[in-house]
């Protein structure tokens, strides 16, 4: 999960925390742009086995 997010070039410098429990993923932390939030959610949803994504990320 974390590898998918951190391998995305546009998200490398973001401060994103990833918590996973039985397919449910919670993303938190701080990003510079709304586009970073959207991309992190999109990348997370594309990972096999993810059943839901909760966004708690905030803009800096």
PDB file of N, CA and C in Angstrom:
ATOM      1  N   UNK A   1       0.825  -1.186   0.000  1.00  0.00           N
ATOM      2  CA  UNK A   1       0.000   0.000   0.000  1.00  0.00           C
ATOM      3  C   UNK A   1       0.873   1.256   0.000  1.00  0.00           C
ATOM      4  N   UNK A   2       1.726   1.353   0.992  1.00  0.00           N
ATOM      5  CA  UNK A   2       2.605   2.521   1.073  1.00  0.00           C
ATOM      6  C   UNK A   2       3.499   2.598  -0.149  1.00  0.00           C
ATOM      7  N   UNK A   3       3.958   1.445  -0.620  1.00  0.00           N
ATOM      8  CA  UNK A   3       4.844   1.421  -1.783  1.00  0.00           C
ATOM      9  C   UNK A   3       4.149   2.005  -3.002  1.00  0.00           C
ATOM     10  N   UNK A   4       2.871   1.718  -3.166  1.00  0.00           N
ATOM     11  CA  UNK A   4       2.127   2.244  -4.315  1.00  0.00           C
ATOM     12  C   UNK A   4       2.050   3.762  -4.256  1.00  0.00           C
ATOM     13  N   UNK A   5       1.807   4.298  -3.077  1.00  0.00           N
ATOM     14  CA  UNK A   5       1.709   5.749  -2.922  1.00  0.00           C
ATOM     15  C   UNK A   5       3.076   6.405  -3.102  1.00  0.00           C
ATOM     16  N   UNK A   6       4.100   5.850  -2.458  1.00  0.00           N
ATOM     17  CA  UNK A   6       5.403   6.499  -2.497  1.00  0.00           C
ATOM     18  C   UNK A   6       6.157   6.267  -3.800  1.00  0.00           C
ATOM     19  N   UNK A   7       5.675   5.328  -4.632  1.00  0.00           N
ATOM     20  CA  UNK A   7       6.291   5.154  -5.947  1.00  0.00           C
ATOM     21  C   UNK A   7       5.677   6.103  -6.971  1.00  0.00           C
ATOM     22  N   UNK A   8       4.602   6.795  -6.575  1.00  0.00           N
ATOM     23  CA  UNK A   8       3.969   7.793  -7.440  1.00  0.00           C
ATOM     24  C   UNK A   8       4.807   9.070  -7.362  1.00  0.00           C
ATOM     25  N   UNK A   9       5.444   9.482  -8.482  1.00  0.00           N
ATOM     26  CA  UNK A   9       6.371  10.633  -8.449  1.00  0.00           C
ATOM     27  C   UNK A   9       5.774  11.906  -7.850  1.00  0.00           C
ATOM     28  N   UNK A  10       4.522  12.188  -8.117  1.00  0.00           N
ATOM     29  CA  UNK A  10       3.929  13.441  -7.639  1.00  0.00           C
ATOM     30  C   UNK A  10       3.676  13.434  -6.129  1.00  0.00           C
ATOM     31  N   UNK A  11       3.751  12.272  -5.498  1.00  0.00           N
ATOM     32  CA  UNK A  11       3.444  12.182  -4.072  1.00  0.00           C
ATOM     33  C   UNK A  11       4.676  11.951  -3.198  1.00  0.00           C
ATOM     34  N   UNK A  12       5.848  11.860  -3.792  1.00  0.00           N
ATOM     35  CA  UNK A  12       7.062  11.520  -3.038  1.00  0.00           C
ATOM     36  C   UNK A  12       7.348  12.459  -1.873  1.00  0.00           C
ATOM     37  N   UNK A  13       7.088  13.747  -2.042  1.00  0.00           N
ATOM     38  CA  UNK A  13       7.431  14.697  -0.988  1.00  0.00           C
ATOM     39  C   UNK A  13       6.281  14.936  -0.011  1.00  0.00           C
ATOM     40  N   UNK A  14       5.175  14.250  -0.211  1.00  0.00           N
ATOM     41  CA  UNK A  14       4.011  14.434   0.664  1.00  0.00           C
ATOM     42  C   UNK A  14       4.223  13.705   1.984  1.00  0.00           C
ATOM     43  N   UNK A  15       3.550  14.194   3.002  1.00  0.00           N
ATOM     44  CA  UNK A  15       3.603  13.575   4.327  1.00  0.00           C
ATOM     45  C   UNK A  15       2.314  12.789   4.527  1.00  0.00           C
ATOM     46  N   UNK A  16       2.252  11.601   3.930  1.00  0.00           N
ATOM     47  CA  UNK A  16       1.028  10.798   3.975  1.00  0.00           C
ATOM     48  C   UNK A  16       1.271   9.574   4.850  1.00  0.00           C
ATOM     49  N   UNK A  17       0.372   9.378   5.801  1.00  0.00           N
ATOM     50  CA  UNK A  17       0.401   8.195   6.651  1.00  0.00           C
ATOM     51  C   UNK A  17      -0.652   7.224   6.139  1.00  0.00           C
ATOM     52  N   UNK A  18      -0.319   5.935   6.132  1.00  0.00           N
ATOM     53  CA  UNK A  18      -1.217   4.912   5.613  1.00  0.00           C
ATOM     54  C   UNK A  18      -1.475   3.884   6.701  1.00  0.00           C
ATOM     55  N   UNK A  19      -2.728   3.705   7.062  1.00  0.00           N
ATOM     56  CA  UNK A  19      -3.131   2.685   8.026  1.00  0.00           C
ATOM     57  C   UNK A  19      -4.063   1.725   7.304  1.00  0.00           C
ATOM     58  N   UNK A  20      -3.832   0.413   7.470  1.00  0.00           N
ATOM     59  CA  UNK A  20      -4.627  -0.593   6.783  1.00  0.00           C
ATOM     60  C   UNK A  20      -5.159  -1.599   7.784  1.00  0.00           C
ATOM     61  N   UNK A  21      -6.449  -1.946   7.632  1.00  0.00           N
ATOM     62  CA  UNK A  21      -7.044  -2.979   8.467  1.00  0.00           C
ATOM     63  C   UNK A  21      -8.090  -3.720   7.650  1.00  0.00           C
ATOM     64  N   UNK A  22      -7.816  -4.977   7.338  1.00  0.00           N
ATOM     65  CA  UNK A  22      -8.746  -5.844   6.607  1.00  0.00           C
ATOM     66  C   UNK A  22      -9.283  -5.193   5.332  1.00  0.00           C
ATOM     67  N   UNK A  23      -8.430  -4.629   4.544  1.00  0.00           N
ATOM     68  CA  UNK A  23      -8.833  -4.051   3.264  1.00  0.00           C
ATOM     69  C   UNK A  23      -9.290  -2.605   3.334  1.00  0.00           C
ATOM     70  N   UNK A  24      -9.521  -2.094   4.544  1.00  0.00           N
ATOM     71  CA  UNK A  24      -9.909  -0.693   4.708  1.00  0.00           C
ATOM     72  C   UNK A  24      -8.634   0.128   4.927  1.00  0.00           C
ATOM     73  N   UNK A  25      -8.498   1.191   4.171  1.00  0.00           N
ATOM     74  CA  UNK A  25      -7.285   2.012   4.241  1.00  0.00           C
ATOM     75  C   UNK A  25      -7.653   3.419   4.686  1.00  0.00           C
ATOM     76  N   UNK A  26      -6.903   3.947   5.641  1.00  0.00           N
ATOM     77  CA  UNK A  26      -7.083   5.326   6.084  1.00  0.00           C
ATOM     78  C   UNK A  26      -5.829   6.096   5.721  1.00  0.00           C
ATOM     79  N   UNK A  27      -6.031   7.185   4.981  1.00  0.00           N
ATOM     80  CA  UNK A  27      -4.928   8.062   4.590  1.00  0.00           C
ATOM     81  C   UNK A  27      -5.012   9.330   5.416  1.00  0.00           C
ATOM     82  N   UNK A  28      -3.897   9.724   6.019  1.00  0.00           N
ATOM     83  CA  UNK A  28      -3.864  10.961   6.795  1.00  0.00           C
ATOM     84  C   UNK A  28      -2.540  11.659   6.539  1.00  0.00           C
ATOM     85  N   UNK A  29      -2.443  12.884   7.016  1.00  0.00           N
ATOM     86  CA  UNK A  29      -1.221  13.649   6.842  1.00  0.00           C
ATOM     87  C   UNK A  29      -1.488  14.929   6.083  1.00  0.00           C
ATOM     88  N   UNK A  30      -0.414  15.517   5.576  1.00  0.00           N
ATOM     89  CA  UNK A  30      -0.510  16.822   4.931  1.00  0.00           C
ATOM     90  C   UNK A  30       0.079  16.784   3.531  1.00  0.00           C
ATOM     91  N   UNK A  31      -0.620  17.417   2.601  1.00  0.00           N
ATOM     92  CA  UNK A  31      -0.162  17.525   1.215  1.00  0.00           C
ATOM     93  C   UNK A  31      -0.292  18.976   0.778  1.00  0.00           C
ATOM     94  N   UNK A  32       0.397  19.345  -0.298  1.00  0.00           N
ATOM     95  CA  UNK A  32       0.385  20.729  -0.762  1.00  0.00           C
ATOM     96  C   UNK A  32      -0.846  21.076  -1.592  1.00  0.00           C
ATOM     97  N   UNK A  33      -1.360  20.097  -2.338  1.00  0.00           N
ATOM     98  CA  UNK A  33      -2.418  20.405  -3.304  1.00  0.00           C
ATOM     99  C   UNK A  33      -3.573  19.414  -3.206  1.00  0.00           C
ATOM    100  N   UNK A  34      -4.770  19.872  -3.565  1.00  0.00           N
ATOM    101  CA  UNK A  34      -5.931  18.987  -3.627  1.00  0.00           C
ATOM    102  C   UNK A  34      -5.668  17.850  -4.615  1.00  0.00           C
ATOM    103  N   UNK A  35      -4.946  18.142  -5.685  1.00  0.00           N
ATOM    104  CA  UNK A  35      -4.621  17.109  -6.684  1.00  0.00           C
ATOM    105  C   UNK A  35      -3.832  15.965  -6.054  1.00  0.00           C
ATOM    106  N   UNK A  36      -3.000  16.268  -5.041  1.00  0.00           N
ATOM    107  CA  UNK A  36      -2.238  15.216  -4.355  1.00  0.00           C
ATOM    108  C   UNK A  36      -3.176  14.298  -3.573  1.00  0.00           C
ATOM    109  N   UNK A  37      -4.181  14.879  -2.952  1.00  0.00           N
ATOM    110  CA  UNK A  37      -5.179  14.081  -2.231  1.00  0.00           C
ATOM    111  C   UNK A  37      -5.895  13.168  -3.209  1.00  0.00           C
ATOM    112  N   UNK A  38      -6.343  13.733  -4.318  1.00  0.00           N
ATOM    113  CA  UNK A  38      -7.062  12.950  -5.320  1.00  0.00           C
ATOM    114  C   UNK A  38      -6.196  11.807  -5.848  1.00  0.00           C
ATOM    115  N   UNK A  39      -4.927  12.098  -6.118  1.00  0.00           N
ATOM    116  CA  UNK A  39      -4.015  11.088  -6.665  1.00  0.00           C
ATOM    117  C   UNK A  39      -3.759   9.985  -5.648  1.00  0.00           C
ATOM    118  N   UNK A  40      -3.557  10.346  -4.389  1.00  0.00           N
ATOM    119  CA  UNK A  40      -3.306   9.345  -3.349  1.00  0.00           C
ATOM    120  C   UNK A  40      -4.505   8.405  -3.208  1.00  0.00           C
ATOM    121  N   UNK A  41      -5.702   8.947  -3.262  1.00  0.00           N
ATOM    122  CA  UNK A  41      -6.910   8.122  -3.169  1.00  0.00           C
ATOM    123  C   UNK A  41      -7.012   7.216  -4.393  1.00  0.00           C
ATOM    124  N   UNK A  42      -6.764   7.771  -5.563  1.00  0.00           N
ATOM    125  CA  UNK A  42      -6.832   6.996  -6.801  1.00  0.00           C
ATOM    126  C   UNK A  42      -5.825   5.834  -6.782  1.00  0.00           C
ATOM    127  N   UNK A  43      -4.588   6.119  -6.391  1.00  0.00           N
ATOM    128  CA  UNK A  43      -3.549   5.086  -6.341  1.00  0.00           C
ATOM    129  C   UNK A  43      -3.929   4.010  -5.326  1.00  0.00           C
ATOM    130  N   UNK A  44      -4.421   4.421  -4.159  1.00  0.00           N
ATOM    131  CA  UNK A  44      -4.790   3.466  -3.114  1.00  0.00           C
ATOM    132  C   UNK A  44      -5.922   2.560  -3.579  1.00  0.00           C
ATOM    133  N   UNK A  45      -6.929   3.135  -4.210  1.00  0.00           N
ATOM    134  CA  UNK A  45      -8.064   2.337  -4.696  1.00  0.00           C
ATOM    135  C   UNK A  45      -7.643   1.328  -5.761  1.00  0.00           C
ATOM    136  N   UNK A  46      -6.552   1.605  -6.472  1.00  0.00           N
ATOM    137  CA  UNK A  46      -6.113   0.709  -7.545  1.00  0.00           C
ATOM    138  C   UNK A  46      -5.356  -0.514  -7.022  1.00  0.00           C
ATOM    139  N   UNK A  47      -5.011  -0.518  -5.740  1.00  0.00           N
ATOM    140  CA  UNK A  47      -4.268  -1.637  -5.157  1.00  0.00           C
ATOM    141  C   UNK A  47      -5.221  -2.797  -4.900  1.00  0.00           C
ATOM    142  N   UNK A  48      -4.816  -3.981  -5.355  1.00  0.00           N
ATOM    143  CA  UNK A  48      -5.638  -5.179  -5.178  1.00  0.00           C
ATOM    144  C   UNK A  48      -5.899  -5.449  -3.695  1.00  0.00           C
ATOM    145  N   UNK A  49      -7.146  -5.722  -3.352  1.00  0.00           N
ATOM    146  CA  UNK A  49      -7.490  -6.056  -1.977  1.00  0.00           C
ATOM    147  C   UNK A  49      -8.035  -4.891  -1.164  1.00  0.00           C
ATOM    148  N   UNK A  50      -7.963  -3.675  -1.699  1.00  0.00           N
ATOM    149  CA  UNK A  50      -8.485  -2.511  -0.980  1.00  0.00           C
ATOM    150  C   UNK A  50     -10.004  -2.472  -1.134  1.00  0.00           C
ATOM    151  N   UNK A  51     -10.716  -2.476  -0.012  1.00  0.00           N
ATOM    152  CA  UNK A  51     -12.175  -2.459  -0.066  1.00  0.00           C
ATOM    153  C   UNK A  51     -12.742  -1.064   0.163  1.00  0.00           C
ATOM    154  N   UNK A  52     -12.012  -0.221   0.900  1.00  0.00           N
ATOM    155  CA  UNK A  52     -12.491   1.147   1.125  1.00  0.00           C
ATOM    156  C   UNK A  52     -11.305   2.056   1.452  1.00  0.00           C
ATOM    157  N   UNK A  53     -11.491   3.348   1.177  1.00  0.00           N
ATOM    158  CA  UNK A  53     -10.452   4.340   1.452  1.00  0.00           C
ATOM    159  C   UNK A  53     -11.101   5.492   2.221  1.00  0.00           C
ATOM    160  N   UNK A  54     -10.546   5.788   3.393  1.00  0.00           N
ATOM    161  CA  UNK A  54     -11.011   6.939   4.177  1.00  0.00           C
ATOM    162  C   UNK A  54      -9.943   8.023   4.087  1.00  0.00           C
ATOM    163  N   UNK A  55     -10.355   9.203   3.695  1.00  0.00           N
ATOM    164  CA  UNK A  55      -9.416  10.309   3.530  1.00  0.00           C
ATOM    165  C   UNK A  55      -9.448  11.244   4.724  1.00  0.00           C
ATOM    166  N   UNK A  56      -8.335  11.312   5.430  1.00  0.00           N
ATOM    167  CA  UNK A  56      -8.160  12.283   6.507  1.00  0.00           C
ATOM    168  C   UNK A  56      -6.980  13.209   6.206  1.00  0.00           C
ATOM    169  N   UNK A  57      -6.582  13.287   4.931  1.00  0.00           N
ATOM    170  CA  UNK A  57      -5.480  14.161   4.533  1.00  0.00           C
ATOM    171  C   UNK A  57      -5.940  15.610   4.555  1.00  0.00           C
ATOM    172  N   UNK A  58      -5.004  16.502   4.837  1.00  0.00           N
ATOM    173  CA  UNK A  58      -5.284  17.937   4.903  1.00  0.00           C
ATOM    174  C   UNK A  58      -4.304  18.689   4.028  1.00  0.00           C
ATOM    175  N   UNK A  59      -4.718  19.851   3.568  1.00  0.00           N
ATOM    176  CA  UNK A  59      -3.823  20.713   2.797  1.00  0.00           C
ATOM    177  C   UNK A  59      -2.954  21.515   3.763  1.00  0.00           C
ATOM    178  N   UNK A  60      -1.673  21.682   3.424  1.00  0.00           N
ATOM    179  CA  UNK A  60      -0.759  22.478   4.253  1.00  0.00           C
ATOM    180  C   UNK A  60      -1.051  23.940   4.055  1.00  0.00           C
TER     181      UNK A  60
END
